[in-house]
Amino acid sequence: MDEKYIIDRVEGNYAIVEKENGDMHKISLSSIKGGFKEGDILINKNEYFEVDENFTLTRKKQIDESMKDMWEE
Protein backbone atom coordinates (compact mmCIF):
# COMPACT_ATOMS: atom_id res chain seq x y z
CA MET A 1 0.00 0.00 0.00
CA ASP A 2 1.30 3.45 -0.93
CA GLU A 3 1.99 5.90 1.89
CA LYS A 4 -0.17 9.02 1.87
CA TYR A 5 0.87 12.54 2.84
CA ILE A 6 -1.28 15.67 3.16
CA ILE A 7 0.40 18.87 1.97
CA ASP A 8 0.26 21.32 4.86
CA ARG A 9 2.25 24.16 3.32
CA VAL A 10 5.22 25.05 1.13
CA GLU A 11 8.37 26.51 2.68
CA GLY A 12 11.13 27.42 0.27
CA ASN A 13 12.00 24.37 -1.81
CA TYR A 14 10.03 21.96 0.38
CA ALA A 15 6.47 20.83 0.87
CA ILE A 16 5.72 20.35 4.56
CA VAL A 17 3.49 17.28 4.75
CA GLU A 18 1.66 15.26 7.37
CA LYS A 19 1.74 11.47 7.20
CA GLU A 20 -1.35 9.44 8.03
CA ASN A 21 0.02 8.80 11.54
CA GLY A 22 0.38 12.56 12.20
CA ASP A 23 4.16 12.82 11.75
CA MET A 24 5.36 15.90 9.86
CA HIS A 25 8.00 15.65 7.10
CA LYS A 26 9.68 17.78 4.43
CA ILE A 27 9.55 16.68 0.80
CA SER A 28 11.65 18.38 -1.86
CA LEU A 29 9.41 20.14 -4.39
CA SER A 30 11.51 18.65 -7.19
CA SER A 31 10.42 15.14 -6.13
CA ILE A 32 6.71 15.94 -6.58
CA LYS A 33 5.42 15.06 -10.04
CA GLY A 34 2.84 17.44 -11.53
CA GLY A 35 0.98 20.34 -9.99
CA PHE A 36 -0.16 20.47 -6.39
CA LYS A 37 -1.56 22.79 -3.72
CA GLU A 38 -2.03 22.86 0.03
CA GLY A 39 -4.47 20.20 1.17
CA ASP A 40 -3.70 17.80 -1.68
CA ILE A 41 -2.86 14.22 -0.80
CA LEU A 42 0.42 12.86 -2.12
CA ILE A 43 1.18 9.21 -2.73
CA ASN A 44 4.76 7.97 -2.35
CA LYS A 45 5.71 6.13 -5.54
CA ASN A 46 9.23 5.32 -4.23
CA GLU A 47 11.08 7.45 -6.82
CA TYR A 48 8.71 10.41 -6.64
CA PHE A 49 5.44 11.68 -5.15
CA GLU A 50 2.25 12.49 -7.02
CA VAL A 51 -1.16 13.92 -6.12
CA ASP A 52 -3.89 11.33 -5.68
CA GLU A 53 -6.90 13.16 -7.13
CA ASN A 54 -9.46 10.66 -5.77
CA PHE A 55 -8.23 10.75 -2.16
CA THR A 56 -7.88 14.54 -2.33
CA LEU A 57 -11.46 14.98 -3.60
CA THR A 58 -12.86 12.55 -1.02
CA ARG A 59 -11.04 14.34 1.81
CA LYS A 60 -12.24 17.76 0.59
CA LYS A 61 -15.86 16.53 0.51
CA GLN A 62 -15.53 15.14 4.04
CA ILE A 63 -14.14 18.45 5.32
CA ASP A 64 -16.85 20.44 3.52
CA GLU A 65 -19.55 18.25 5.08
CA SER A 66 -18.02 18.59 8.54
CA MET A 67 -17.84 22.36 8.21
CA LYS A 68 -21.42 22.55 6.93
CA ASP A 69 -22.68 20.56 9.92
CA MET A 70 -20.64 22.71 12.28
CA TRP A 71 -22.33 25.96 11.18
CA GLU A 72 -25.89 24.68 10.89
CA GLU A 73 -28.12 24.73 13.93
C-alpha atoms as a PDB file:
ATOM      1  CA  MET A   1       0.000   0.000   0.000  1.00  0.00           C
ATOM      2  CA  ASP A   2       1.300   3.453  -0.931  1.00  0.00           C
ATOM      3  CA  GLU A   3       1.993   5.897   1.888  1.00  0.00           C
ATOM      4  CA  LYS A   4      -0.174   9.020   1.871  1.00  0.00           C
ATOM      5  CA  TYR A   5       0.873  12.543   2.842  1.00  0.00           C
ATOM      6  CA  ILE A   6      -1.284  15.674   3.160  1.00  0.00           C
ATOM      7  CA  ILE A   7       0.400  18.865   1.965  1.00  0.00           C
ATOM      8  CA  ASP A   8       0.258  21.323   4.862  1.00  0.00           C
ATOM      9  CA  ARG A   9       2.253  24.158   3.316  1.00  0.00           C
ATOM     10  CA  VAL A  10       5.218  25.051   1.134  1.00  0.00           C
ATOM     11  CA  GLU A  11       8.375  26.509   2.678  1.00  0.00           C
ATOM     12  CA  GLY A  12      11.131  27.419   0.271  1.00  0.00           C
ATOM     13  CA  ASN A  13      12.003  24.365  -1.807  1.00  0.00           C
ATOM     14  CA  TYR A  14      10.033  21.956   0.378  1.00  0.00           C
ATOM     15  CA  ALA A  15       6.465  20.829   0.875  1.00  0.00           C
ATOM     16  CA  ILE A  16       5.717  20.347   4.560  1.00  0.00           C
ATOM     17  CA  VAL A  17       3.491  17.282   4.752  1.00  0.00           C
ATOM     18  CA  GLU A  18       1.664  15.258   7.374  1.00  0.00           C
ATOM     19  CA  LYS A  19       1.739  11.474   7.203  1.00  0.00           C
ATOM     20  CA  GLU A  20      -1.354   9.442   8.034  1.00  0.00           C
ATOM     21  CA  ASN A  21       0.016   8.804  11.539  1.00  0.00           C
ATOM     22  CA  GLY A  22       0.381  12.563  12.203  1.00  0.00           C
ATOM     23  CA  ASP A  23       4.165  12.819  11.752  1.00  0.00           C
ATOM     24  CA  MET A  24       5.361  15.900   9.863  1.00  0.00           C
ATOM     25  CA  HIS A  25       7.997  15.650   7.102  1.00  0.00           C
ATOM     26  CA  LYS A  26       9.681  17.776   4.434  1.00  0.00           C
ATOM     27  CA  ILE A  27       9.550  16.680   0.797  1.00  0.00           C
ATOM     28  CA  SER A  28      11.649  18.379  -1.862  1.00  0.00           C
ATOM     29  CA  LEU A  29       9.412  20.143  -4.393  1.00  0.00           C
ATOM     30  CA  SER A  30      11.514  18.651  -7.192  1.00  0.00           C
ATOM     31  CA  SER A  31      10.420  15.142  -6.129  1.00  0.00           C
ATOM     32  CA  ILE A  32       6.707  15.944  -6.582  1.00  0.00           C
ATOM     33  CA  LYS A  33       5.416  15.056 -10.035  1.00  0.00           C
ATOM     34  CA  GLY A  34       2.844  17.438 -11.528  1.00  0.00           C
ATOM     35  CA  GLY A  35       0.985  20.345  -9.991  1.00  0.00           C
ATOM     36  CA  PHE A  36      -0.160  20.470  -6.390  1.00  0.00           C
ATOM     37  CA  LYS A  37      -1.561  22.788  -3.722  1.00  0.00           C
ATOM     38  CA  GLU A  38      -2.026  22.863   0.032  1.00  0.00           C
ATOM     39  CA  GLY A  39      -4.472  20.197   1.173  1.00  0.00           C
ATOM     40  CA  ASP A  40      -3.695  17.804  -1.684  1.00  0.00           C
ATOM     41  CA  ILE A  41      -2.856  14.219  -0.797  1.00  0.00           C
ATOM     42  CA  LEU A  42       0.424  12.865  -2.119  1.00  0.00           C
ATOM     43  CA  ILE A  43       1.182   9.213  -2.729  1.00  0.00           C
ATOM     44  CA  ASN A  44       4.760   7.968  -2.347  1.00  0.00           C
ATOM     45  CA  LYS A  45       5.707   6.132  -5.536  1.00  0.00           C
ATOM     46  CA  ASN A  46       9.233   5.317  -4.234  1.00  0.00           C
ATOM     47  CA  GLU A  47      11.079   7.445  -6.820  1.00  0.00           C
ATOM     48  CA  TYR A  48       8.705  10.411  -6.638  1.00  0.00           C
ATOM     49  CA  PHE A  49       5.441  11.684  -5.152  1.00  0.00           C
ATOM     50  CA  GLU A  50       2.245  12.488  -7.017  1.00  0.00           C
ATOM     51  CA  VAL A  51      -1.162  13.919  -6.122  1.00  0.00           C
ATOM     52  CA  ASP A  52      -3.892  11.332  -5.680  1.00  0.00           C
ATOM     53  CA  GLU A  53      -6.899  13.157  -7.127  1.00  0.00           C
ATOM     54  CA  ASN A  54      -9.461  10.664  -5.772  1.00  0.00           C
ATOM     55  CA  PHE A  55      -8.227  10.750  -2.165  1.00  0.00           C
ATOM     56  CA  THR A  56      -7.880  14.543  -2.326  1.00  0.00           C
ATOM     57  CA  LEU A  57     -11.456  14.981  -3.602  1.00  0.00           C
ATOM     58  CA  THR A  58     -12.858  12.549  -1.023  1.00  0.00           C
ATOM     59  CA  ARG A  59     -11.038  14.341   1.807  1.00  0.00           C
ATOM     60  CA  LYS A  60     -12.237  17.757   0.590  1.00  0.00           C
ATOM     61  CA  LYS A  61     -15.857  16.531   0.507  1.00  0.00           C
ATOM     62  CA  GLN A  62     -15.533  15.145   4.043  1.00  0.00           C
ATOM     63  CA  ILE A  63     -14.143  18.448   5.316  1.00  0.00           C
ATOM     64  CA  ASP A  64     -16.845  20.443   3.520  1.00  0.00           C
ATOM     65  CA  GLU A  65     -19.551  18.250   5.078  1.00  0.00           C
ATOM     66  CA  SER A  66     -18.016  18.593   8.544  1.00  0.00           C
ATOM     67  CA  MET A  67     -17.840  22.362   8.207  1.00  0.00           C
ATOM     68  CA  LYS A  68     -21.421  22.548   6.928  1.00  0.00           C
ATOM     69  CA  ASP A  69     -22.685  20.555   9.924  1.00  0.00           C
ATOM     70  CA  MET A  70     -20.642  22.705  12.278  1.00  0.00           C
ATOM     71  CA  TRP A  71     -22.329  25.959  11.185  1.00  0.00           C
ATOM     72  CA  GLU A  72     -25.889  24.680  10.888  1.00  0.00           C
ATOM     73  CA  GLU A  73     -28.120  24.732  13.927  1.00  0.00           C
END
